[in-house]
């Protein structure tokens, strides 16, 4: 079986660092707006910019700068903007920390199955995180994409000549890793992370896919399917 795996918050921690950065960001610009207003305005800016800037730390940093300027009515000093930019740079250089059990699980899976990384975000940053993770040699192919939707998964299937009944996608986002994969007729597995970015939330009426609490549980699941 070909197993597609998400990167951020499936193999390594990511949203946790975003949340910590956002907390520090609120402190920097707290004299211009209350925390609730900052959170709401930042999310609105991120949503508005997605089509142009996509996902990742760089777009998040630009959203923080833009929001800071907006909530301060353009009065925020350059020194505080510099602090905000520094937050983004720290996030880009943050060490990669694998989620518990990931390395051993992928090693086990790679013995009997073919692993494909399908992750979205900034190309350079995702490549850097993959290299730092030490997992690269376990993957047959690497796909770093700007969006995870039906057309994207269909292109991946065609490019690598993957049969849909022989493919399963595994990730923490129902919106990105599960629903579009089910729509093209393949399998998907949800591995929830304790923090989910609001723009990745998805309403699911009928959970017609398995949810596992840890990636370790994937081994027996795909073995049964195989």
N, C-alpha and C. Protein backbone atom coordinates (compact mmCIF):
# COMPACT_ATOMS: atom_id res chain seq x y z
N UNK A 1 0.84 -1.19 0.00
CA UNK A 1 0.00 0.00 0.00
C UNK A 1 0.87 1.25 0.00
N UNK A 2 0.41 2.29 -0.69
CA UNK A 2 1.11 3.58 -0.68
C UNK A 2 0.47 4.45 0.39
N UNK A 3 1.27 4.90 1.33
CA UNK A 3 0.77 5.68 2.46
C UNK A 3 1.25 7.13 2.32
N UNK A 4 0.29 8.04 2.16
CA UNK A 4 0.62 9.45 2.14
C UNK A 4 0.60 10.00 3.55
N UNK A 5 1.61 10.76 3.89
CA UNK A 5 1.71 11.30 5.25
C UNK A 5 1.88 12.81 5.21
N UNK A 6 1.09 13.49 6.03
CA UNK A 6 1.25 14.92 6.23
C UNK A 6 2.49 15.16 7.08
N UNK A 7 3.04 16.39 7.03
CA UNK A 7 4.21 16.71 7.82
C UNK A 7 3.88 17.42 9.11
N UNK A 8 3.47 18.69 9.00
CA UNK A 8 3.21 19.52 10.19
C UNK A 8 2.10 18.93 11.05
N UNK A 9 2.41 18.71 12.32
CA UNK A 9 1.47 18.24 13.34
C UNK A 9 0.99 16.81 13.11
N UNK A 10 1.63 16.13 12.16
CA UNK A 10 1.41 14.69 11.99
C UNK A 10 2.72 13.96 12.27
N UNK A 11 3.80 14.48 11.70
CA UNK A 11 5.13 13.90 11.94
C UNK A 11 5.94 14.72 12.95
N UNK A 12 5.82 16.04 12.84
CA UNK A 12 6.55 16.92 13.76
C UNK A 12 5.63 18.03 14.26
N UNK A 13 5.99 18.57 15.42
CA UNK A 13 5.20 19.64 16.02
C UNK A 13 5.32 20.92 15.19
N UNK A 14 4.21 21.64 15.04
CA UNK A 14 4.22 22.88 14.29
C UNK A 14 3.26 23.90 14.91
N UNK A 15 1.99 23.56 15.00
CA UNK A 15 0.99 24.52 15.48
C UNK A 15 1.28 24.96 16.91
N UNK A 16 1.90 24.11 17.67
CA UNK A 16 2.28 24.48 19.04
C UNK A 16 3.21 25.69 19.03
N UNK A 17 4.16 25.70 18.10
CA UNK A 17 5.08 26.83 18.00
C UNK A 17 4.38 28.09 17.49
N UNK A 18 3.43 27.91 16.56
CA UNK A 18 2.64 29.05 16.09
C UNK A 18 1.85 29.66 17.25
N UNK A 19 1.27 28.82 18.09
CA UNK A 19 0.47 29.31 19.22
C UNK A 19 1.33 30.09 20.20
N UNK A 20 2.53 29.59 20.46
CA UNK A 20 3.44 30.28 21.37
C UNK A 20 3.89 31.62 20.79
N UNK A 21 4.14 31.63 19.49
CA UNK A 21 4.53 32.87 18.82
C UNK A 21 3.40 33.89 18.86
N UNK A 22 2.19 33.42 18.64
CA UNK A 22 1.04 34.32 18.64
C UNK A 22 0.82 34.93 20.02
N UNK A 23 1.11 34.17 21.07
CA UNK A 23 0.98 34.70 22.42
C UNK A 23 1.98 35.84 22.65
N UNK A 24 3.20 35.64 22.18
CA UNK A 24 4.22 36.69 22.31
C UNK A 24 3.86 37.90 21.45
N UNK A 25 3.27 37.65 20.30
CA UNK A 25 2.84 38.72 19.40
C UNK A 25 1.78 39.60 20.07
N UNK A 26 0.82 38.96 20.72
CA UNK A 26 -0.23 39.72 21.41
C UNK A 26 0.36 40.62 22.48
N UNK A 27 1.39 40.14 23.16
CA UNK A 27 2.03 40.95 24.19
C UNK A 27 2.71 42.19 23.60
N UNK A 28 3.35 42.01 22.44
CA UNK A 28 4.06 43.12 21.81
C UNK A 28 3.12 44.25 21.43
N UNK A 29 1.93 43.90 20.89
CA UNK A 29 1.04 44.94 20.39
C UNK A 29 -0.18 45.14 21.29
N UNK A 30 -0.09 44.67 22.53
CA UNK A 30 -1.25 44.70 23.43
C UNK A 30 -1.71 46.12 23.76
N UNK A 31 -0.84 47.12 23.64
CA UNK A 31 -1.28 48.48 23.96
C UNK A 31 -2.16 49.07 22.86
N UNK A 32 -2.23 48.37 21.72
CA UNK A 32 -3.03 48.88 20.60
C UNK A 32 -4.41 48.22 20.53
N UNK A 33 -4.57 47.05 21.14
CA UNK A 33 -5.86 46.35 21.09
C UNK A 33 -5.87 45.25 22.14
N UNK A 34 -7.06 44.81 22.54
CA UNK A 34 -7.15 43.70 23.48
C UNK A 34 -6.86 42.38 22.76
N UNK A 35 -6.60 41.35 23.54
CA UNK A 35 -6.17 40.07 22.97
C UNK A 35 -7.21 39.47 22.03
N UNK A 36 -8.47 39.55 22.40
CA UNK A 36 -9.51 38.99 21.54
C UNK A 36 -9.55 39.69 20.19
N UNK A 37 -9.43 41.00 20.19
CA UNK A 37 -9.44 41.77 18.94
C UNK A 37 -8.23 41.41 18.09
N UNK A 38 -7.07 41.29 18.71
CA UNK A 38 -5.86 40.93 17.97
C UNK A 38 -6.01 39.57 17.32
N UNK A 39 -6.50 38.58 18.07
CA UNK A 39 -6.68 37.24 17.52
C UNK A 39 -7.64 37.25 16.33
N UNK A 40 -8.76 37.95 16.50
CA UNK A 40 -9.77 37.99 15.44
C UNK A 40 -9.24 38.69 14.19
N UNK A 41 -8.58 39.83 14.39
CA UNK A 41 -8.07 40.58 13.25
C UNK A 41 -6.94 39.83 12.54
N UNK A 42 -6.10 39.15 13.31
CA UNK A 42 -5.02 38.37 12.71
C UNK A 42 -5.57 37.23 11.87
N UNK A 43 -6.57 36.53 12.40
CA UNK A 43 -7.17 35.43 11.65
C UNK A 43 -7.84 35.95 10.38
N UNK A 44 -8.51 37.07 10.47
CA UNK A 44 -9.15 37.66 9.29
C UNK A 44 -8.10 38.00 8.23
N UNK A 45 -6.96 38.53 8.68
CA UNK A 45 -5.90 38.88 7.74
C UNK A 45 -5.32 37.63 7.08
N UNK A 46 -5.09 36.60 7.87
CA UNK A 46 -4.58 35.34 7.31
C UNK A 46 -5.54 34.77 6.27
N UNK A 47 -6.81 34.78 6.60
CA UNK A 47 -7.82 34.25 5.67
C UNK A 47 -7.84 35.08 4.38
N UNK A 48 -7.78 36.38 4.52
CA UNK A 48 -7.82 37.27 3.36
C UNK A 48 -6.59 37.09 2.46
N UNK A 49 -5.46 36.76 3.06
CA UNK A 49 -4.20 36.67 2.32
C UNK A 49 -3.90 35.30 1.74
N UNK A 50 -4.69 34.29 2.11
CA UNK A 50 -4.36 32.92 1.70
C UNK A 50 -4.20 32.77 0.19
N UNK A 51 -5.10 33.35 -0.56
CA UNK A 51 -5.07 33.18 -2.02
C UNK A 51 -3.80 33.77 -2.63
N UNK A 52 -3.28 34.82 -2.02
CA UNK A 52 -2.10 35.49 -2.55
C UNK A 52 -0.81 34.96 -1.95
N UNK A 53 -0.82 34.73 -0.64
CA UNK A 53 0.42 34.39 0.08
C UNK A 53 0.53 32.92 0.45
N UNK A 54 -0.57 32.19 0.42
CA UNK A 54 -0.52 30.78 0.76
C UNK A 54 -0.29 30.54 2.24
N UNK A 55 0.28 29.36 2.55
CA UNK A 55 0.46 28.93 3.92
C UNK A 55 1.92 29.04 4.34
N UNK A 56 2.14 28.98 5.65
CA UNK A 56 3.50 28.94 6.15
C UNK A 56 3.88 30.12 7.00
N UNK A 57 5.10 30.06 7.53
CA UNK A 57 5.58 31.07 8.47
C UNK A 57 5.71 32.44 7.81
N UNK A 58 6.16 32.48 6.58
CA UNK A 58 6.37 33.78 5.94
C UNK A 58 5.04 34.53 5.75
N UNK A 59 4.02 33.83 5.32
CA UNK A 59 2.72 34.47 5.16
C UNK A 59 2.14 34.85 6.52
N UNK A 60 2.39 34.02 7.54
CA UNK A 60 1.94 34.32 8.89
C UNK A 60 2.63 35.58 9.42
N UNK A 61 3.92 35.71 9.15
CA UNK A 61 4.66 36.88 9.60
C UNK A 61 4.14 38.15 8.94
N UNK A 62 3.89 38.08 7.64
CA UNK A 62 3.33 39.24 6.94
C UNK A 62 1.95 39.59 7.50
N UNK A 63 1.17 38.58 7.85
CA UNK A 63 -0.15 38.83 8.44
C UNK A 63 -0.01 39.51 9.80
N UNK A 64 0.98 39.11 10.58
CA UNK A 64 1.20 39.75 11.88
C UNK A 64 1.57 41.22 11.69
N UNK A 65 2.46 41.50 10.73
CA UNK A 65 2.86 42.88 10.48
C UNK A 65 1.67 43.71 10.01
N UNK A 66 0.93 43.18 9.06
CA UNK A 66 -0.23 43.90 8.51
C UNK A 66 -1.27 44.17 9.59
N UNK A 67 -1.53 43.18 10.43
CA UNK A 67 -2.51 43.35 11.50
C UNK A 67 -2.05 44.38 12.52
N UNK A 68 -0.77 44.36 12.85
CA UNK A 68 -0.23 45.33 13.80
C UNK A 68 -0.41 46.76 13.29
N UNK A 69 -0.17 46.95 12.02
CA UNK A 69 -0.33 48.29 11.42
C UNK A 69 -1.80 48.70 11.44
N UNK A 70 -2.68 47.75 11.14
CA UNK A 70 -4.11 48.06 11.08
C UNK A 70 -4.69 48.38 12.46
N UNK A 71 -4.38 47.56 13.47
CA UNK A 71 -5.00 47.79 14.78
C UNK A 71 -4.44 49.04 15.46
N UNK A 72 -3.25 49.46 15.04
CA UNK A 72 -2.67 50.68 15.62
C UNK A 72 -2.96 51.91 14.77
N UNK A 73 -3.76 51.74 13.72
CA UNK A 73 -4.07 52.84 12.79
C UNK A 73 -2.79 53.46 12.22
N UNK A 74 -1.81 52.61 12.01
CA UNK A 74 -0.55 53.06 11.41
C UNK A 74 0.40 53.74 12.36
N UNK A 75 0.09 53.70 13.65
CA UNK A 75 0.91 54.41 14.64
C UNK A 75 1.97 53.54 15.31
N UNK A 76 1.97 52.27 15.04
CA UNK A 76 2.94 51.39 15.69
C UNK A 76 4.35 51.77 15.24
N UNK A 77 5.30 51.89 16.17
CA UNK A 77 6.65 52.29 15.80
C UNK A 77 7.42 51.17 15.10
N UNK A 78 8.44 51.58 14.36
CA UNK A 78 9.26 50.62 13.62
C UNK A 78 9.91 49.60 14.55
N UNK A 79 10.22 50.03 15.78
CA UNK A 79 10.86 49.11 16.73
C UNK A 79 9.96 47.93 17.05
N UNK A 80 8.64 48.16 17.16
CA UNK A 80 7.72 47.08 17.46
C UNK A 80 7.49 46.20 16.23
N UNK A 81 7.47 46.80 15.04
CA UNK A 81 7.39 46.01 13.81
C UNK A 81 8.61 45.11 13.71
N UNK A 82 9.77 45.64 14.10
CA UNK A 82 11.00 44.85 14.08
C UNK A 82 10.88 43.65 15.02
N UNK A 83 10.26 43.84 16.18
CA UNK A 83 10.05 42.74 17.11
C UNK A 83 9.14 41.67 16.50
N UNK A 84 8.13 42.11 15.79
CA UNK A 84 7.20 41.17 15.16
C UNK A 84 7.93 40.35 14.09
N UNK A 85 8.73 41.01 13.27
CA UNK A 85 9.49 40.31 12.24
C UNK A 85 10.45 39.31 12.86
N UNK A 86 11.05 39.69 14.00
CA UNK A 86 11.96 38.78 14.70
C UNK A 86 11.24 37.52 15.15
N UNK A 87 9.97 37.65 15.55
CA UNK A 87 9.18 36.47 15.93
C UNK A 87 9.08 35.50 14.76
N UNK A 88 8.82 36.05 13.58
CA UNK A 88 8.72 35.20 12.40
C UNK A 88 10.03 34.49 12.09
N UNK A 89 11.13 35.20 12.21
CA UNK A 89 12.44 34.59 11.95
C UNK A 89 12.74 33.49 12.95
N UNK A 90 12.36 33.71 14.22
CA UNK A 90 12.56 32.67 15.23
C UNK A 90 11.75 31.43 14.90
N UNK A 91 10.54 31.65 14.41
CA UNK A 91 9.67 30.53 14.06
C UNK A 91 10.26 29.73 12.91
N UNK A 92 10.84 30.42 11.95
CA UNK A 92 11.46 29.75 10.81
C UNK A 92 12.66 28.90 11.22
N UNK A 93 13.37 29.35 12.23
CA UNK A 93 14.59 28.65 12.64
C UNK A 93 14.37 27.72 13.82
N UNK A 94 13.12 27.55 14.23
CA UNK A 94 12.83 26.70 15.40
C UNK A 94 13.23 25.25 15.10
N UNK A 95 13.89 24.58 16.04
CA UNK A 95 14.28 23.19 15.81
C UNK A 95 13.09 22.28 15.53
N UNK A 96 13.29 21.30 14.68
CA UNK A 96 12.23 20.33 14.39
C UNK A 96 12.17 19.30 15.50
N UNK A 97 10.98 19.10 16.04
CA UNK A 97 10.79 18.11 17.10
C UNK A 97 9.74 17.10 16.63
N UNK A 98 10.18 15.86 16.46
CA UNK A 98 9.26 14.82 16.01
C UNK A 98 8.24 14.51 17.10
N UNK A 99 7.04 14.19 16.67
CA UNK A 99 6.01 13.73 17.59
C UNK A 99 6.39 12.34 18.09
N UNK A 100 6.10 12.07 19.32
CA UNK A 100 6.51 10.82 19.95
C UNK A 100 6.09 9.60 19.14
N UNK A 101 7.04 8.72 18.89
CA UNK A 101 6.76 7.46 18.20
C UNK A 101 6.83 7.50 16.69
N UNK A 102 6.98 8.69 16.11
CA UNK A 102 6.93 8.84 14.65
C UNK A 102 8.08 8.11 13.97
N UNK A 103 9.30 8.29 14.44
CA UNK A 103 10.46 7.71 13.76
C UNK A 103 10.36 6.19 13.70
N UNK A 104 10.07 5.55 14.82
CA UNK A 104 9.96 4.09 14.85
C UNK A 104 8.80 3.60 14.00
N UNK A 105 7.68 4.31 14.04
CA UNK A 105 6.50 3.90 13.27
C UNK A 105 6.76 3.96 11.78
N UNK A 106 7.38 5.06 11.32
CA UNK A 106 7.68 5.17 9.89
C UNK A 106 8.68 4.13 9.44
N UNK A 107 9.64 3.84 10.29
CA UNK A 107 10.61 2.79 9.96
C UNK A 107 9.91 1.45 9.78
N UNK A 108 8.98 1.14 10.67
CA UNK A 108 8.21 -0.11 10.56
C UNK A 108 7.35 -0.13 9.32
N UNK A 109 6.64 0.96 9.06
CA UNK A 109 5.76 1.03 7.90
C UNK A 109 6.52 0.90 6.59
N UNK A 110 7.71 1.49 6.54
CA UNK A 110 8.49 1.50 5.29
C UNK A 110 8.97 0.13 4.88
N UNK A 111 8.95 -0.84 5.78
CA UNK A 111 9.40 -2.19 5.44
C UNK A 111 8.41 -2.91 4.54
N UNK A 112 7.12 -2.62 4.71
CA UNK A 112 6.09 -3.33 3.95
C UNK A 112 5.25 -2.44 3.05
N UNK A 113 5.42 -1.12 3.18
CA UNK A 113 4.60 -0.18 2.43
C UNK A 113 5.47 0.92 1.83
N UNK A 114 4.90 1.65 0.90
CA UNK A 114 5.60 2.75 0.25
C UNK A 114 5.12 4.07 0.84
N UNK A 115 6.04 4.89 1.31
CA UNK A 115 5.68 6.13 2.00
C UNK A 115 5.86 7.33 1.08
N UNK A 116 4.85 8.20 1.10
CA UNK A 116 4.84 9.41 0.28
C UNK A 116 4.53 10.59 1.20
N UNK A 117 5.42 11.58 1.25
CA UNK A 117 5.15 12.77 2.05
C UNK A 117 4.34 13.76 1.23
N UNK A 118 3.19 14.17 1.76
CA UNK A 118 2.36 15.18 1.11
C UNK A 118 2.10 16.28 2.14
N UNK A 119 2.84 17.37 2.04
CA UNK A 119 2.75 18.43 3.02
C UNK A 119 2.62 19.77 2.32
N UNK A 120 1.98 20.72 2.96
CA UNK A 120 1.79 22.02 2.32
C UNK A 120 2.46 23.12 3.13
N UNK A 121 2.75 24.21 2.44
CA UNK A 121 3.40 25.34 3.09
C UNK A 121 4.50 25.90 2.22
N UNK A 122 5.35 26.70 2.83
CA UNK A 122 6.47 27.31 2.12
C UNK A 122 7.48 26.23 1.72
N UNK A 123 7.87 26.23 0.44
CA UNK A 123 8.73 25.17 -0.10
C UNK A 123 10.04 25.06 0.67
N UNK A 124 10.76 26.17 0.81
CA UNK A 124 12.06 26.13 1.47
C UNK A 124 11.94 25.68 2.92
N UNK A 125 10.95 26.20 3.63
CA UNK A 125 10.80 25.84 5.04
C UNK A 125 10.44 24.38 5.20
N UNK A 126 9.55 23.86 4.36
CA UNK A 126 9.19 22.45 4.44
C UNK A 126 10.37 21.55 4.09
N UNK A 127 11.15 21.94 3.11
CA UNK A 127 12.35 21.16 2.76
C UNK A 127 13.34 21.15 3.92
N UNK A 128 13.48 22.30 4.56
CA UNK A 128 14.40 22.42 5.69
C UNK A 128 13.94 21.54 6.85
N UNK A 129 12.64 21.56 7.13
CA UNK A 129 12.12 20.75 8.23
C UNK A 129 12.26 19.26 7.94
N UNK A 130 12.02 18.86 6.71
CA UNK A 130 12.17 17.46 6.34
C UNK A 130 13.61 17.01 6.52
N UNK A 131 14.54 17.85 6.06
CA UNK A 131 15.96 17.50 6.20
C UNK A 131 16.35 17.38 7.67
N UNK A 132 15.85 18.30 8.50
CA UNK A 132 16.18 18.29 9.92
C UNK A 132 15.52 17.13 10.66
N UNK A 133 14.43 16.62 10.10
CA UNK A 133 13.69 15.55 10.77
C UNK A 133 14.42 14.22 10.75
N UNK A 134 15.29 14.03 9.75
CA UNK A 134 15.98 12.76 9.60
C UNK A 134 15.13 11.66 9.00
N UNK A 135 13.95 12.03 8.49
CA UNK A 135 13.01 11.03 7.96
C UNK A 135 13.07 10.90 6.44
N UNK A 136 13.81 11.79 5.79
CA UNK A 136 13.74 11.89 4.34
C UNK A 136 13.98 10.59 3.59
N UNK A 137 14.92 9.79 4.05
CA UNK A 137 15.27 8.57 3.32
C UNK A 137 14.18 7.51 3.38
N UNK A 138 13.20 7.68 4.26
CA UNK A 138 12.12 6.70 4.37
C UNK A 138 11.03 6.91 3.33
N UNK A 139 11.06 8.07 2.64
CA UNK A 139 9.99 8.40 1.70
C UNK A 139 10.38 8.07 0.26
N UNK A 140 9.44 7.49 -0.44
CA UNK A 140 9.60 7.18 -1.86
C UNK A 140 9.57 8.45 -2.70
N UNK A 141 8.64 9.34 -2.38
CA UNK A 141 8.50 10.61 -3.09
C UNK A 141 8.13 11.69 -2.07
N UNK A 142 8.45 12.93 -2.44
CA UNK A 142 8.13 14.09 -1.61
C UNK A 142 7.26 15.04 -2.42
N UNK A 143 6.11 15.42 -1.88
CA UNK A 143 5.22 16.39 -2.52
C UNK A 143 4.97 17.54 -1.55
N UNK A 144 5.53 18.71 -1.86
CA UNK A 144 5.28 19.92 -1.09
C UNK A 144 4.36 20.80 -1.93
N UNK A 145 3.15 21.00 -1.45
CA UNK A 145 2.11 21.62 -2.27
C UNK A 145 1.61 22.92 -1.63
N UNK A 146 0.99 23.75 -2.44
CA UNK A 146 0.45 25.02 -1.94
C UNK A 146 -0.94 24.86 -1.35
N UNK A 147 -1.64 23.80 -1.72
CA UNK A 147 -2.97 23.53 -1.19
C UNK A 147 -3.22 22.03 -1.25
N UNK A 148 -4.04 21.53 -0.35
CA UNK A 148 -4.43 20.14 -0.38
C UNK A 148 -5.93 20.08 -0.66
N UNK A 149 -6.26 19.89 -1.92
CA UNK A 149 -7.65 19.80 -2.34
C UNK A 149 -7.77 18.70 -3.37
N UNK A 150 -8.95 18.50 -3.90
CA UNK A 150 -9.18 17.42 -4.85
C UNK A 150 -8.26 17.51 -6.07
N UNK A 151 -8.15 18.66 -6.74
CA UNK A 151 -7.25 18.74 -7.90
C UNK A 151 -5.80 18.40 -7.56
N UNK A 152 -5.34 18.81 -6.38
CA UNK A 152 -3.96 18.52 -5.98
C UNK A 152 -3.75 17.03 -5.83
N UNK A 153 -4.63 16.36 -5.12
CA UNK A 153 -4.48 14.92 -4.93
C UNK A 153 -4.61 14.17 -6.25
N UNK A 154 -5.47 14.64 -7.12
CA UNK A 154 -5.62 13.98 -8.43
C UNK A 154 -4.33 14.11 -9.24
N UNK A 155 -3.70 15.28 -9.17
CA UNK A 155 -2.42 15.46 -9.88
C UNK A 155 -1.35 14.53 -9.32
N UNK A 156 -1.32 14.39 -8.01
CA UNK A 156 -0.33 13.51 -7.39
C UNK A 156 -0.56 12.07 -7.83
N UNK A 157 -1.81 11.64 -7.88
CA UNK A 157 -2.13 10.28 -8.31
C UNK A 157 -1.66 10.03 -9.75
N UNK A 158 -1.94 11.00 -10.62
CA UNK A 158 -1.54 10.85 -12.02
C UNK A 158 -0.02 10.87 -12.16
N UNK A 159 0.63 11.80 -11.48
CA UNK A 159 2.07 11.97 -11.63
C UNK A 159 2.83 10.70 -11.24
N UNK A 160 2.37 10.04 -10.18
CA UNK A 160 3.08 8.87 -9.67
C UNK A 160 2.39 7.56 -10.01
N UNK A 161 1.35 7.64 -10.86
CA UNK A 161 0.63 6.45 -11.33
C UNK A 161 0.16 5.60 -10.14
N UNK A 162 -0.52 6.26 -9.21
CA UNK A 162 -1.01 5.59 -8.00
C UNK A 162 -2.47 5.19 -8.20
N UNK A 163 -2.78 3.95 -7.93
CA UNK A 163 -4.16 3.48 -7.96
C UNK A 163 -4.87 3.93 -6.67
N UNK A 164 -6.05 4.48 -6.81
CA UNK A 164 -6.73 5.06 -5.64
C UNK A 164 -7.10 4.03 -4.60
N UNK A 165 -7.37 2.81 -5.01
CA UNK A 165 -7.72 1.79 -4.02
C UNK A 165 -6.50 1.25 -3.30
N UNK A 166 -5.31 1.73 -3.69
CA UNK A 166 -4.07 1.32 -3.04
C UNK A 166 -3.41 2.48 -2.30
N UNK A 167 -4.18 3.56 -2.06
CA UNK A 167 -3.63 4.75 -1.43
C UNK A 167 -4.41 5.12 -0.19
N UNK A 168 -3.68 5.50 0.86
CA UNK A 168 -4.30 6.03 2.07
C UNK A 168 -3.53 7.27 2.49
N UNK A 169 -4.24 8.35 2.82
CA UNK A 169 -3.62 9.58 3.29
C UNK A 169 -3.83 9.69 4.79
N UNK A 170 -2.78 10.09 5.50
CA UNK A 170 -2.81 10.15 6.95
C UNK A 170 -2.39 11.55 7.40
N UNK A 171 -3.22 12.19 8.23
CA UNK A 171 -2.84 13.51 8.69
C UNK A 171 -3.75 14.03 9.79
N UNK A 172 -3.39 15.19 10.33
CA UNK A 172 -4.12 15.76 11.46
C UNK A 172 -5.28 16.65 11.05
N UNK A 173 -5.35 17.02 9.77
CA UNK A 173 -6.39 17.95 9.32
C UNK A 173 -7.48 17.22 8.54
N UNK A 174 -8.69 17.25 9.08
CA UNK A 174 -9.82 16.66 8.34
C UNK A 174 -10.03 17.41 7.03
N UNK A 175 -9.92 18.72 7.08
CA UNK A 175 -10.16 19.55 5.89
C UNK A 175 -9.16 19.25 4.78
N UNK A 176 -7.90 19.07 5.12
CA UNK A 176 -6.85 18.95 4.10
C UNK A 176 -6.40 17.52 3.84
N UNK A 177 -6.40 16.68 4.86
CA UNK A 177 -5.82 15.34 4.73
C UNK A 177 -6.86 14.23 4.57
N UNK A 178 -8.12 14.55 4.85
CA UNK A 178 -9.13 13.50 4.86
C UNK A 178 -10.21 13.71 3.79
N UNK A 179 -10.96 14.80 3.89
CA UNK A 179 -12.13 14.97 3.03
C UNK A 179 -11.82 14.97 1.53
N UNK A 180 -10.81 15.70 1.05
CA UNK A 180 -10.54 15.66 -0.39
C UNK A 180 -10.05 14.30 -0.87
N UNK A 181 -9.39 13.55 -0.01
CA UNK A 181 -8.91 12.21 -0.38
C UNK A 181 -10.07 11.25 -0.51
N UNK A 182 -11.00 11.33 0.43
CA UNK A 182 -12.20 10.49 0.34
C UNK A 182 -12.99 10.83 -0.92
N UNK A 183 -13.00 12.10 -1.28
CA UNK A 183 -13.77 12.53 -2.45
C UNK A 183 -13.23 11.93 -3.75
N UNK A 184 -11.93 11.67 -3.81
CA UNK A 184 -11.37 11.08 -5.04
C UNK A 184 -11.42 9.56 -5.01
N UNK A 185 -11.94 8.98 -3.93
CA UNK A 185 -12.12 7.54 -3.88
C UNK A 185 -11.01 6.76 -3.22
N UNK A 186 -10.11 7.44 -2.51
CA UNK A 186 -9.04 6.76 -1.78
C UNK A 186 -9.41 6.70 -0.29
N UNK A 187 -8.53 6.14 0.51
CA UNK A 187 -8.76 6.03 1.95
C UNK A 187 -8.04 7.17 2.67
N UNK A 188 -8.51 7.47 3.89
CA UNK A 188 -7.88 8.51 4.69
C UNK A 188 -8.02 8.15 6.17
N UNK A 189 -7.02 8.58 6.94
CA UNK A 189 -6.99 8.33 8.37
C UNK A 189 -6.69 9.65 9.07
N UNK A 190 -7.47 9.94 10.09
CA UNK A 190 -7.29 11.16 10.86
C UNK A 190 -6.49 10.87 12.13
N UNK A 191 -5.42 11.65 12.34
CA UNK A 191 -4.62 11.56 13.57
C UNK A 191 -4.68 12.94 14.22
N UNK A 192 -5.61 13.19 15.11
CA UNK A 192 -5.79 14.54 15.65
C UNK A 192 -4.56 15.04 16.40
N UNK A 193 -4.32 16.33 16.28
CA UNK A 193 -3.30 17.02 17.07
C UNK A 193 -4.04 17.87 18.09
N UNK A 194 -3.41 18.16 19.23
CA UNK A 194 -4.14 18.82 20.32
C UNK A 194 -4.46 20.29 20.02
N UNK A 195 -3.82 20.86 18.99
CA UNK A 195 -4.16 22.22 18.56
C UNK A 195 -4.45 22.17 17.07
N UNK A 196 -5.53 22.80 16.64
CA UNK A 196 -5.84 22.88 15.22
C UNK A 196 -6.07 24.32 14.83
N UNK A 197 -5.36 24.78 13.83
CA UNK A 197 -5.55 26.14 13.31
C UNK A 197 -6.99 26.30 12.87
N UNK A 198 -7.60 27.42 13.20
CA UNK A 198 -9.02 27.61 12.94
C UNK A 198 -9.37 27.46 11.46
N UNK A 199 -8.48 27.86 10.58
CA UNK A 199 -8.77 27.77 9.15
C UNK A 199 -8.65 26.34 8.62
N UNK A 200 -8.25 25.40 9.48
CA UNK A 200 -8.21 23.99 9.10
C UNK A 200 -9.40 23.22 9.65
N UNK A 201 -10.27 23.89 10.40
CA UNK A 201 -11.45 23.21 10.94
C UNK A 201 -12.40 22.83 9.81
N UNK A 202 -13.06 21.69 9.99
CA UNK A 202 -14.05 21.25 9.00
C UNK A 202 -15.18 20.55 9.72
N UNK A 203 -16.40 20.86 9.33
CA UNK A 203 -17.57 20.20 9.91
C UNK A 203 -17.76 18.85 9.22
N UNK A 204 -17.90 17.81 10.02
CA UNK A 204 -18.06 16.46 9.48
C UNK A 204 -19.34 15.86 10.07
N UNK A 205 -20.31 15.60 9.20
CA UNK A 205 -21.57 15.01 9.65
C UNK A 205 -21.45 13.51 9.86
N UNK A 206 -20.77 12.87 8.93
CA UNK A 206 -20.65 11.41 8.97
C UNK A 206 -19.17 11.06 8.89
N UNK A 207 -18.59 10.69 10.02
CA UNK A 207 -17.16 10.37 10.05
C UNK A 207 -16.93 9.00 9.42
N UNK A 208 -16.88 8.97 8.09
CA UNK A 208 -16.71 7.71 7.37
C UNK A 208 -15.23 7.41 7.15
N UNK A 209 -14.44 7.65 8.18
CA UNK A 209 -13.01 7.40 8.11
C UNK A 209 -12.51 7.08 9.51
N UNK A 210 -11.46 6.30 9.64
CA UNK A 210 -10.95 5.97 10.97
C UNK A 210 -10.17 7.13 11.59
N UNK A 211 -10.27 7.25 12.89
CA UNK A 211 -9.48 8.21 13.66
C UNK A 211 -8.64 7.43 14.65
N UNK A 212 -7.35 7.70 14.68
CA UNK A 212 -6.45 7.01 15.60
C UNK A 212 -5.82 8.05 16.52
N UNK A 213 -5.50 7.64 17.72
CA UNK A 213 -4.97 8.58 18.71
C UNK A 213 -3.48 8.82 18.56
N UNK A 214 -2.79 7.89 17.94
CA UNK A 214 -1.35 8.01 17.75
C UNK A 214 -0.96 7.33 16.45
N UNK A 215 0.10 7.80 15.84
CA UNK A 215 0.54 7.23 14.56
C UNK A 215 0.92 5.76 14.70
N UNK A 216 1.27 5.35 15.90
CA UNK A 216 1.63 3.93 16.11
C UNK A 216 0.48 3.01 15.71
N UNK A 217 -0.75 3.48 15.91
CA UNK A 217 -1.92 2.65 15.61
C UNK A 217 -2.10 2.43 14.10
N UNK A 218 -1.37 3.20 13.30
CA UNK A 218 -1.50 3.08 11.86
C UNK A 218 -0.97 1.75 11.34
N UNK A 219 0.01 1.20 12.02
CA UNK A 219 0.66 -0.03 11.54
C UNK A 219 -0.35 -1.17 11.40
N UNK A 220 -1.08 -1.47 12.46
CA UNK A 220 -2.06 -2.56 12.40
C UNK A 220 -3.21 -2.23 11.46
N UNK A 221 -3.58 -0.94 11.38
CA UNK A 221 -4.69 -0.54 10.52
C UNK A 221 -4.39 -0.80 9.06
N UNK A 222 -3.24 -0.35 8.58
CA UNK A 222 -2.93 -0.54 7.16
C UNK A 222 -2.57 -2.00 6.87
N UNK A 223 -2.06 -2.71 7.84
CA UNK A 223 -1.80 -4.13 7.63
C UNK A 223 -3.10 -4.88 7.41
N UNK A 224 -4.14 -4.50 8.12
CA UNK A 224 -5.45 -5.13 7.93
C UNK A 224 -6.01 -4.81 6.56
N UNK A 225 -5.84 -3.55 6.11
CA UNK A 225 -6.31 -3.16 4.79
C UNK A 225 -5.55 -3.89 3.69
N UNK A 226 -4.27 -4.10 3.93
CA UNK A 226 -3.45 -4.75 2.90
C UNK A 226 -3.78 -6.23 2.77
